[in-house]
């Protein structure tokens, strides 16, 4: 996951500052950012599109999707909401 340190253009691919891991795009904009504890993605992560706009906010537990995930349209409105438990999407039935 953290093998490649720089893109061909010299831009770093990621940075670890304390317990926060930040992934960068080739342009230098932030691709994704969140807690990185014991070499695992944990807690709330924010993912951006190539233009820097918000794409998804989701939660991890022990490097697996866990909890609420929300994907956004480019205009900022919600596109999709999902809930995961240990990497598997929870399907809810309505009665």
PDB file of N, CA and C in Angstrom:
ATOM      1  N   UNK A   1       0.814  -1.201   0.000  1.00  0.00           N
ATOM      2  CA  UNK A   1       0.000   0.000   0.000  1.00  0.00           C
ATOM      3  C   UNK A   1       0.854   1.260   0.000  1.00  0.00           C
ATOM      4  N   UNK A   2       1.929   1.257   0.733  1.00  0.00           N
ATOM      5  CA  UNK A   2       2.765   2.448   0.821  1.00  0.00           C
ATOM      6  C   UNK A   2       4.106   2.241   0.125  1.00  0.00           C
ATOM      7  N   UNK A   3       4.125   1.471  -0.957  1.00  0.00           N
ATOM      8  CA  UNK A   3       5.377   1.165  -1.628  1.00  0.00           C
ATOM      9  C   UNK A   3       5.940   2.355  -2.411  1.00  0.00           C
ATOM     10  N   UNK A   4       5.142   2.918  -3.293  1.00  0.00           N
ATOM     11  CA  UNK A   4       5.597   3.972  -4.202  1.00  0.00           C
ATOM     12  C   UNK A   4       5.578   5.321  -3.485  1.00  0.00           C
ATOM     13  N   UNK A   5       6.734   5.947  -3.338  1.00  0.00           N
ATOM     14  CA  UNK A   5       6.815   7.193  -2.579  1.00  0.00           C
ATOM     15  C   UNK A   5       6.618   8.450  -3.425  1.00  0.00           C
ATOM     16  N   UNK A   6       6.911   8.357  -4.722  1.00  0.00           N
ATOM     17  CA  UNK A   6       6.779   9.527  -5.591  1.00  0.00           C
ATOM     18  C   UNK A   6       6.242   9.130  -6.956  1.00  0.00           C
ATOM     19  N   UNK A   7       5.468  10.049  -7.544  1.00  0.00           N
ATOM     20  CA  UNK A   7       5.061   9.901  -8.934  1.00  0.00           C
ATOM     21  C   UNK A   7       6.257  10.247  -9.820  1.00  0.00           C
ATOM     22  N   UNK A   8       6.155   9.947 -11.094  1.00  0.00           N
ATOM     23  CA  UNK A   8       7.250  10.253 -12.030  1.00  0.00           C
ATOM     24  C   UNK A   8       7.575  11.735 -12.077  1.00  0.00           C
ATOM     25  N   UNK A   9       6.568  12.585 -11.799  1.00  0.00           N
ATOM     26  CA  UNK A   9       6.798  14.031 -11.832  1.00  0.00           C
ATOM     27  C   UNK A   9       7.447  14.559 -10.546  1.00  0.00           C
ATOM     28  N   UNK A  10       7.744  13.655  -9.594  1.00  0.00           N
ATOM     29  CA  UNK A  10       8.386  14.046  -8.355  1.00  0.00           C
ATOM     30  C   UNK A  10       7.425  14.292  -7.203  1.00  0.00           C
ATOM     31  N   UNK A  11       6.144  14.431  -7.493  1.00  0.00           N
ATOM     32  CA  UNK A  11       5.145  14.640  -6.444  1.00  0.00           C
ATOM     33  C   UNK A  11       5.082  13.408  -5.551  1.00  0.00           C
ATOM     34  N   UNK A  12       5.109  13.611  -4.236  1.00  0.00           N
ATOM     35  CA  UNK A  12       4.994  12.473  -3.328  1.00  0.00           C
ATOM     36  C   UNK A  12       3.605  11.874  -3.413  1.00  0.00           C
ATOM     37  N   UNK A  13       3.515  10.551  -3.227  1.00  0.00           N
ATOM     38  CA  UNK A  13       2.230   9.858  -3.319  1.00  0.00           C
ATOM     39  C   UNK A  13       1.492   9.866  -1.994  1.00  0.00           C
ATOM     40  N   UNK A  14       2.243   9.920  -0.896  1.00  0.00           N
ATOM     41  CA  UNK A  14       1.611   9.930   0.421  1.00  0.00           C
ATOM     42  C   UNK A  14       2.533  10.596   1.433  1.00  0.00           C
ATOM     43  N   UNK A  15       1.936  10.909   2.592  1.00  0.00           N
ATOM     44  CA  UNK A  15       2.679  11.498   3.699  1.00  0.00           C
ATOM     45  C   UNK A  15       2.029  11.014   4.987  1.00  0.00           C
ATOM     46  N   UNK A  16       2.851  10.645   5.958  1.00  0.00           N
ATOM     47  CA  UNK A  16       2.335  10.281   7.276  1.00  0.00           C
ATOM     48  C   UNK A  16       2.797  11.349   8.247  1.00  0.00           C
ATOM     49  N   UNK A  17       1.829  11.969   8.924  1.00  0.00           N
ATOM     50  CA  UNK A  17       2.113  13.007   9.903  1.00  0.00           C
ATOM     51  C   UNK A  17       1.417  12.598  11.203  1.00  0.00           C
ATOM     52  N   UNK A  18       2.193  12.089  12.149  1.00  0.00           N
ATOM     53  CA  UNK A  18       1.588  11.548  13.366  1.00  0.00           C
ATOM     54  C   UNK A  18       0.793  10.310  13.017  1.00  0.00           C
ATOM     55  N   UNK A  19      -0.494  10.308  13.350  1.00  0.00           N
ATOM     56  CA  UNK A  19      -1.376   9.183  13.019  1.00  0.00           C
ATOM     57  C   UNK A  19      -2.263   9.470  11.821  1.00  0.00           C
ATOM     58  N   UNK A  20      -1.901  10.470  11.012  1.00  0.00           N
ATOM     59  CA  UNK A  20      -2.705  10.817   9.844  1.00  0.00           C
ATOM     60  C   UNK A  20      -1.944  10.473   8.563  1.00  0.00           C
ATOM     61  N   UNK A  21      -2.602   9.713   7.698  1.00  0.00           N
ATOM     62  CA  UNK A  21      -2.056   9.361   6.397  1.00  0.00           C
ATOM     63  C   UNK A  21      -2.773  10.193   5.348  1.00  0.00           C
ATOM     64  N   UNK A  22      -2.008  10.832   4.479  1.00  0.00           N
ATOM     65  CA  UNK A  22      -2.569  11.619   3.386  1.00  0.00           C
ATOM     66  C   UNK A  22      -2.036  11.070   2.074  1.00  0.00           C
ATOM     67  N   UNK A  23      -2.941  10.714   1.168  1.00  0.00           N
ATOM     68  CA  UNK A  23      -2.567  10.317  -0.188  1.00  0.00           C
ATOM     69  C   UNK A  23      -2.732  11.529  -1.090  1.00  0.00           C
ATOM     70  N   UNK A  24      -1.808  11.695  -2.022  1.00  0.00           N
ATOM     71  CA  UNK A  24      -1.858  12.814  -2.955  1.00  0.00           C
ATOM     72  C   UNK A  24      -2.074  12.327  -4.380  1.00  0.00           C
ATOM     73  N   UNK A  25      -2.675  13.194  -5.182  1.00  0.00           N
ATOM     74  CA  UNK A  25      -2.769  12.972  -6.617  1.00  0.00           C
ATOM     75  C   UNK A  25      -1.482  13.469  -7.263  1.00  0.00           C
ATOM     76  N   UNK A  26      -1.271  13.156  -8.529  1.00  0.00           N
ATOM     77  CA  UNK A  26      -0.078  13.630  -9.243  1.00  0.00           C
ATOM     78  C   UNK A  26       0.022  15.147  -9.238  1.00  0.00           C
ATOM     79  N   UNK A  27      -1.116  15.812  -9.126  1.00  0.00           N
ATOM     80  CA  UNK A  27      -1.161  17.274  -9.152  1.00  0.00           C
ATOM     81  C   UNK A  27      -0.790  17.894  -7.812  1.00  0.00           C
ATOM     82  N   UNK A  28      -0.719  17.073  -6.768  1.00  0.00           N
ATOM     83  CA  UNK A  28      -0.438  17.574  -5.428  1.00  0.00           C
ATOM     84  C   UNK A  28      -1.682  17.774  -4.588  1.00  0.00           C
ATOM     85  N   UNK A  29      -2.853  17.700  -5.202  1.00  0.00           N
ATOM     86  CA  UNK A  29      -4.100  17.798  -4.436  1.00  0.00           C
ATOM     87  C   UNK A  29      -4.270  16.541  -3.589  1.00  0.00           C
ATOM     88  N   UNK A  30      -5.014  16.661  -2.509  1.00  0.00           N
ATOM     89  CA  UNK A  30      -5.245  15.519  -1.619  1.00  0.00           C
ATOM     90  C   UNK A  30      -6.260  14.565  -2.243  1.00  0.00           C
ATOM     91  N   UNK A  31      -5.869  13.303  -2.328  1.00  0.00           N
ATOM     92  CA  UNK A  31      -6.736  12.245  -2.841  1.00  0.00           C
ATOM     93  C   UNK A  31      -7.557  11.633  -1.710  1.00  0.00           C
ATOM     94  N   UNK A  32      -6.908  11.344  -0.578  1.00  0.00           N
ATOM     95  CA  UNK A  32      -7.586  10.740   0.566  1.00  0.00           C
ATOM     96  C   UNK A  32      -6.804  11.063   1.829  1.00  0.00           C
ATOM     97  N   UNK A  33      -7.536  11.135   2.956  1.00  0.00           N
ATOM     98  CA  UNK A  33      -6.872  11.451   4.211  1.00  0.00           C
ATOM     99  C   UNK A  33      -7.662  10.882   5.374  1.00  0.00           C
ATOM    100  N   UNK A  34      -6.917  10.337   6.361  1.00  0.00           N
ATOM    101  CA  UNK A  34      -7.567   9.827   7.544  1.00  0.00           C
ATOM    102  C   UNK A  34      -6.587   9.214   8.511  1.00  0.00           C
ATOM    103  N   UNK A  35      -7.085   8.709   9.638  1.00  0.00           N
ATOM    104  CA  UNK A  35      -6.235   8.088  10.648  1.00  0.00           C
ATOM    105  C   UNK A  35      -5.570   6.807  10.117  1.00  0.00           C
ATOM    106  N   UNK A  36      -4.313   6.646  10.474  1.00  0.00           N
ATOM    107  CA  UNK A  36      -3.530   5.474  10.080  1.00  0.00           C
ATOM    108  C   UNK A  36      -2.822   4.990  11.335  1.00  0.00           C
ATOM    109  N   UNK A  37      -3.374   3.952  11.948  1.00  0.00           N
ATOM    110  CA  UNK A  37      -2.903   3.483  13.245  1.00  0.00           C
ATOM    111  C   UNK A  37      -2.499   2.017  13.130  1.00  0.00           C
ATOM    112  N   UNK A  38      -1.295   1.699  13.608  1.00  0.00           N
ATOM    113  CA  UNK A  38      -0.767   0.334  13.502  1.00  0.00           C
ATOM    114  C   UNK A  38      -0.791  -0.151  12.053  1.00  0.00           C
ATOM    115  N   UNK A  39      -0.433   0.760  11.142  1.00  0.00           N
ATOM    116  CA  UNK A  39      -0.374   0.472   9.701  1.00  0.00           C
ATOM    117  C   UNK A  39      -1.711   0.031   9.119  1.00  0.00           C
ATOM    118  N   UNK A  40      -2.804   0.558   9.697  1.00  0.00           N
ATOM    119  CA  UNK A  40      -4.137   0.265   9.194  1.00  0.00           C
ATOM    120  C   UNK A  40      -4.960   1.543   9.111  1.00  0.00           C
ATOM    121  N   UNK A  41      -5.816   1.601   8.097  1.00  0.00           N
ATOM    122  CA  UNK A  41      -6.767   2.702   7.993  1.00  0.00           C
ATOM    123  C   UNK A  41      -7.797   2.518   9.099  1.00  0.00           C
ATOM    124  N   UNK A  42      -8.033   3.567   9.872  1.00  0.00           N
ATOM    125  CA  UNK A  42      -8.960   3.510  10.992  1.00  0.00           C
ATOM    126  C   UNK A  42      -9.811   4.781  10.991  1.00  0.00           C
ATOM    127  N   UNK A  43     -11.003   4.713  11.541  1.00  0.00           N
ATOM    128  CA  UNK A  43     -11.820   5.913  11.708  1.00  0.00           C
ATOM    129  C   UNK A  43     -12.302   6.523  10.400  1.00  0.00           C
ATOM    130  N   UNK A  44     -12.581   7.822  10.457  1.00  0.00           N
ATOM    131  CA  UNK A  44     -13.177   8.528   9.319  1.00  0.00           C
ATOM    132  C   UNK A  44     -12.124   8.922   8.293  1.00  0.00           C
ATOM    133  N   UNK A  45     -12.396   8.578   7.046  1.00  0.00           N
ATOM    134  CA  UNK A  45     -11.540   8.944   5.926  1.00  0.00           C
ATOM    135  C   UNK A  45     -12.333   9.789   4.945  1.00  0.00           C
ATOM    136  N   UNK A  46     -11.631  10.738   4.333  1.00  0.00           N
ATOM    137  CA  UNK A  46     -12.240  11.617   3.335  1.00  0.00           C
ATOM    138  C   UNK A  46     -11.520  11.385   2.008  1.00  0.00           C
ATOM    139  N   UNK A  47     -12.299  11.152   0.957  1.00  0.00           N
ATOM    140  CA  UNK A  47     -11.763  10.894  -0.378  1.00  0.00           C
ATOM    141  C   UNK A  47     -12.220  12.007  -1.321  1.00  0.00           C
ATOM    142  N   UNK A  48     -11.310  12.489  -2.154  1.00  0.00           N
ATOM    143  CA  UNK A  48     -11.601  13.574  -3.090  1.00  0.00           C
ATOM    144  C   UNK A  48     -11.436  13.117  -4.532  1.00  0.00           C
ATOM    145  N   UNK A  49     -12.109  13.819  -5.423  1.00  0.00           N
ATOM    146  CA  UNK A  49     -11.955  13.593  -6.857  1.00  0.00           C
ATOM    147  C   UNK A  49     -10.661  14.243  -7.342  1.00  0.00           C
ATOM    148  N   UNK A  50     -10.331  13.990  -8.594  1.00  0.00           N
ATOM    149  CA  UNK A  50      -9.108  14.554  -9.165  1.00  0.00           C
ATOM    150  C   UNK A  50      -9.110  16.072  -9.206  1.00  0.00           C
ATOM    151  N   UNK A  51     -10.287  16.680  -9.207  1.00  0.00           N
ATOM    152  CA  UNK A  51     -10.353  18.149  -9.200  1.00  0.00           C
ATOM    153  C   UNK A  51     -10.309  18.717  -7.781  1.00  0.00           C
ATOM    154  N   UNK A  52     -10.202  17.838  -6.793  1.00  0.00           N
ATOM    155  CA  UNK A  52     -10.125  18.269  -5.401  1.00  0.00           C
ATOM    156  C   UNK A  52     -11.462  18.330  -4.688  1.00  0.00           C
ATOM    157  N   UNK A  53     -12.557  18.113  -5.407  1.00  0.00           N
ATOM    158  CA  UNK A  53     -13.875  18.171  -4.773  1.00  0.00           C
ATOM    159  C   UNK A  53     -14.150  16.892  -3.980  1.00  0.00           C
ATOM    160  N   UNK A  54     -14.995  17.023  -2.966  1.00  0.00           N
ATOM    161  CA  UNK A  54     -15.349  15.906  -2.093  1.00  0.00           C
ATOM    162  C   UNK A  54     -16.049  14.813  -2.890  1.00  0.00           C
ATOM    163  N   UNK A  55     -15.623  13.579  -2.671  1.00  0.00           N
ATOM    164  CA  UNK A  55     -16.228  12.438  -3.345  1.00  0.00           C
ATOM    165  C   UNK A  55     -16.928  11.527  -2.338  1.00  0.00           C
ATOM    166  N   UNK A  56     -16.199  11.096  -1.272  1.00  0.00           N
ATOM    167  CA  UNK A  56     -16.747  10.135  -0.332  1.00  0.00           C
ATOM    168  C   UNK A  56     -16.206  10.385   1.074  1.00  0.00           C
ATOM    169  N   UNK A  57     -17.050  10.162   2.063  1.00  0.00           N
ATOM    170  CA  UNK A  57     -16.616  10.111   3.459  1.00  0.00           C
ATOM    171  C   UNK A  57     -17.027   8.749   3.982  1.00  0.00           C
ATOM    172  N   UNK A  58     -16.055   8.023   4.534  1.00  0.00           N
ATOM    173  CA  UNK A  58     -16.348   6.691   5.037  1.00  0.00           C
ATOM    174  C   UNK A  58     -15.509   6.352   6.250  1.00  0.00           C
ATOM    175  N   UNK A  59     -15.874   5.273   6.891  1.00  0.00           N
ATOM    176  CA  UNK A  59     -15.212   4.861   8.127  1.00  0.00           C
ATOM    177  C   UNK A  59     -14.588   3.477   7.978  1.00  0.00           C
ATOM    178  N   UNK A  60     -13.444   3.301   8.634  1.00  0.00           N
ATOM    179  CA  UNK A  60     -12.732   2.031   8.628  1.00  0.00           C
ATOM    180  C   UNK A  60     -12.557   1.533  10.055  1.00  0.00           C
ATOM    181  N   UNK A  61     -12.503   0.222  10.184  1.00  0.00           N
ATOM    182  CA  UNK A  61     -12.140  -0.425  11.429  1.00  0.00           C
ATOM    183  C   UNK A  61     -11.193  -1.563  11.051  1.00  0.00           C
ATOM    184  N   UNK A  62      -9.989  -1.504  11.547  1.00  0.00           N
ATOM    185  CA  UNK A  62      -8.960  -2.504  11.227  1.00  0.00           C
ATOM    186  C   UNK A  62      -8.793  -2.670   9.715  1.00  0.00           C
ATOM    187  N   UNK A  63      -8.741  -1.550   9.013  1.00  0.00           N
ATOM    188  CA  UNK A  63      -8.455  -1.511   7.571  1.00  0.00           C
ATOM    189  C   UNK A  63      -9.613  -2.049   6.709  1.00  0.00           C
ATOM    190  N   UNK A  64     -10.812  -2.175   7.294  1.00  0.00           N
ATOM    191  CA  UNK A  64     -11.985  -2.615   6.550  1.00  0.00           C
ATOM    192  C   UNK A  64     -13.074  -1.555   6.656  1.00  0.00           C
ATOM    193  N   UNK A  65     -13.847  -1.413   5.586  1.00  0.00           N
ATOM    194  CA  UNK A  65     -14.984  -0.501   5.654  1.00  0.00           C
ATOM    195  C   UNK A  65     -15.880  -0.938   6.802  1.00  0.00           C
ATOM    196  N   UNK A  66     -16.230   0.031   7.662  1.00  0.00           N
ATOM    197  CA  UNK A  66     -17.058  -0.307   8.818  1.00  0.00           C
ATOM    198  C   UNK A  66     -17.793   0.947   9.271  1.00  0.00           C
ATOM    199  N   UNK A  67     -19.100   0.903   9.206  1.00  0.00           N
ATOM    200  CA  UNK A  67     -19.889   2.069   9.578  1.00  0.00           C
ATOM    201  C   UNK A  67     -20.437   2.781   8.357  1.00  0.00           C
ATOM    202  N   UNK A  68     -20.737   4.049   8.537  1.00  0.00           N
ATOM    203  CA  UNK A  68     -21.403   4.841   7.500  1.00  0.00           C
ATOM    204  C   UNK A  68     -20.443   5.261   6.385  1.00  0.00           C
ATOM    205  N   UNK A  69     -20.924   5.176   5.157  1.00  0.00           N
ATOM    206  CA  UNK A  69     -20.209   5.667   3.972  1.00  0.00           C
ATOM    207  C   UNK A  69     -21.184   6.510   3.166  1.00  0.00           C
ATOM    208  N   UNK A  70     -20.729   7.706   2.786  1.00  0.00           N
ATOM    209  CA  UNK A  70     -21.575   8.611   1.995  1.00  0.00           C
ATOM    210  C   UNK A  70     -20.784   9.082   0.784  1.00  0.00           C
ATOM    211  N   UNK A  71     -21.391   8.921  -0.404  1.00  0.00           N
ATOM    212  CA  UNK A  71     -20.776   9.400  -1.647  1.00  0.00           C
ATOM    213  C   UNK A  71     -21.565  10.619  -2.122  1.00  0.00           C
ATOM    214  N   UNK A  72     -20.859  11.617  -2.617  1.00  0.00           N
ATOM    215  CA  UNK A  72     -21.463  12.888  -2.994  1.00  0.00           C
ATOM    216  C   UNK A  72     -21.373  13.145  -4.493  1.00  0.00           C
ATOM    217  N   UNK A  73     -22.409  13.826  -5.003  1.00  0.00           N
ATOM    218  CA  UNK A  73     -22.377  14.346  -6.365  1.00  0.00           C
ATOM    219  C   UNK A  73     -21.423  15.533  -6.399  1.00  0.00           C
ATOM    220  N   UNK A  74     -21.050  15.953  -7.565  1.00  0.00           N
ATOM    221  CA  UNK A  74     -20.149  17.104  -7.704  1.00  0.00           C
ATOM    222  C   UNK A  74     -20.758  18.385  -7.130  1.00  0.00           C
ATOM    223  N   UNK A  75     -22.075  18.483  -7.101  1.00  0.00           N
ATOM    224  CA  UNK A  75     -22.716  19.687  -6.558  1.00  0.00           C
ATOM    225  C   UNK A  75     -22.822  19.658  -5.032  1.00  0.00           C
ATOM    226  N   UNK A  76     -22.317  18.573  -4.405  1.00  0.00           N
ATOM    227  CA  UNK A  76     -22.331  18.467  -2.951  1.00  0.00           C
ATOM    228  C   UNK A  76     -23.522  17.719  -2.375  1.00  0.00           C
ATOM    229  N   UNK A  77     -24.503  17.414  -3.211  1.00  0.00           N
ATOM    230  CA  UNK A  77     -25.651  16.653  -2.722  1.00  0.00           C
ATOM    231  C   UNK A  77     -25.264  15.178  -2.575  1.00  0.00           C
ATOM    232  N   UNK A  78     -25.994  14.469  -1.729  1.00  0.00           N
ATOM    233  CA  UNK A  78     -25.690  13.067  -1.470  1.00  0.00           C
ATOM    234  C   UNK A  78     -26.120  12.207  -2.649  1.00  0.00           C
ATOM    235  N   UNK A  79     -25.193  11.381  -3.117  1.00  0.00           N
ATOM    236  CA  UNK A  79     -25.458  10.455  -4.204  1.00  0.00           C
ATOM    237  C   UNK A  79     -25.876   9.081  -3.669  1.00  0.00           C
ATOM    238  N   UNK A  80     -25.172   8.617  -2.628  1.00  0.00           N
ATOM    239  CA  UNK A  80     -25.435   7.268  -2.115  1.00  0.00           C
ATOM    240  C   UNK A  80     -24.977   7.178  -0.664  1.00  0.00           C
ATOM    241  N   UNK A  81     -25.752   6.477   0.154  1.00  0.00           N
ATOM    242  CA  UNK A  81     -25.375   6.212   1.532  1.00  0.00           C
ATOM    243  C   UNK A  81     -25.389   4.704   1.752  1.00  0.00           C
ATOM    244  N   UNK A  82     -24.346   4.218   2.419  1.00  0.00           N
ATOM    245  CA  UNK A  82     -24.224   2.795   2.686  1.00  0.00           C
ATOM    246  C   UNK A  82     -23.730   2.605   4.116  1.00  0.00           C
ATOM    247  N   UNK A  83     -23.986   1.421   4.645  1.00  0.00           N
ATOM    248  CA  UNK A  83     -23.455   1.047   5.947  1.00  0.00           C
ATOM    249  C   UNK A  83     -22.738  -0.285   5.787  1.00  0.00           C
ATOM    250  N   UNK A  84     -21.524  -0.349   6.330  1.00  0.00           N
ATOM    251  CA  UNK A  84     -20.716  -1.558   6.246  1.00  0.00           C
ATOM    252  C   UNK A  84     -20.446  -2.106   7.637  1.00  0.00           C
ATOM    253  N   UNK A  85     -20.283  -3.412   7.695  1.00  0.00           N
ATOM    254  CA  UNK A  85     -19.864  -4.059   8.925  1.00  0.00           C
ATOM    255  C   UNK A  85     -18.728  -5.007   8.567  1.00  0.00           C
ATOM    256  N   UNK A  86     -17.528  -4.660   9.042  1.00  0.00           N
ATOM    257  CA  UNK A  86     -16.317  -5.442   8.782  1.00  0.00           C
ATOM    258  C   UNK A  86     -16.150  -5.765   7.301  1.00  0.00           C
ATOM    259  N   UNK A  87     -16.301  -4.742   6.460  1.00  0.00           N
ATOM    260  CA  UNK A  87     -16.046  -4.876   5.033  1.00  0.00           C
ATOM    261  C   UNK A  87     -17.212  -5.304   4.179  1.00  0.00           C
ATOM    262  N   UNK A  88     -18.305  -5.691   4.786  1.00  0.00           N
ATOM    263  CA  UNK A  88     -19.467  -6.141   4.013  1.00  0.00           C
ATOM    264  C   UNK A  88     -20.605  -5.146   4.138  1.00  0.00           C
ATOM    265  N   UNK A  89     -21.199  -4.822   2.989  1.00  0.00           N
ATOM    266  CA  UNK A  89     -22.329  -3.874   3.016  1.00  0.00           C
ATOM    267  C   UNK A  89     -23.528  -4.511   3.680  1.00  0.00           C
ATOM    268  N   UNK A  90     -24.144  -3.769   4.570  1.00  0.00           N
ATOM    269  CA  UNK A  90     -25.332  -4.231   5.267  1.00  0.00           C
ATOM    270  C   UNK A  90     -26.548  -3.922   4.397  1.00  0.00           C
ATOM    271  N   UNK A  91     -27.359  -4.896   4.177  1.00  0.00           N
ATOM    272  CA  UNK A  91     -28.590  -4.730   3.410  1.00  0.00           C
ATOM    273  C   UNK A  91     -29.754  -4.708   4.386  1.00  0.00           C
ATOM    274  N   UNK A  92     -30.528  -3.671   4.319  1.00  0.00           N
ATOM    275  CA  UNK A  92     -31.649  -3.532   5.241  1.00  0.00           C
ATOM    276  C   UNK A  92     -32.953  -3.859   4.526  1.00  0.00           C
ATOM    277  N   UNK A  93     -33.794  -4.577   5.206  1.00  0.00           N
ATOM    278  CA  UNK A  93     -35.105  -4.897   4.660  1.00  0.00           C
ATOM    279  C   UNK A  93     -36.132  -3.979   5.311  1.00  0.00           C
ATOM    280  N   UNK A  94     -37.055  -3.518   4.503  1.00  0.00           N
ATOM    281  CA  UNK A  94     -38.142  -2.708   5.058  1.00  0.00           C
ATOM    282  C   UNK A  94     -39.343  -3.592   5.264  1.00  0.00           C
ATOM    283  N   UNK A  95     -40.078  -3.325   6.311  1.00  0.00           N
ATOM    284  CA  UNK A  95     -41.234  -4.156   6.659  1.00  0.00           C
ATOM    285  C   UNK A  95     -42.504  -3.455   6.274  1.00  0.00           C
TER     286      UNK A  95
END
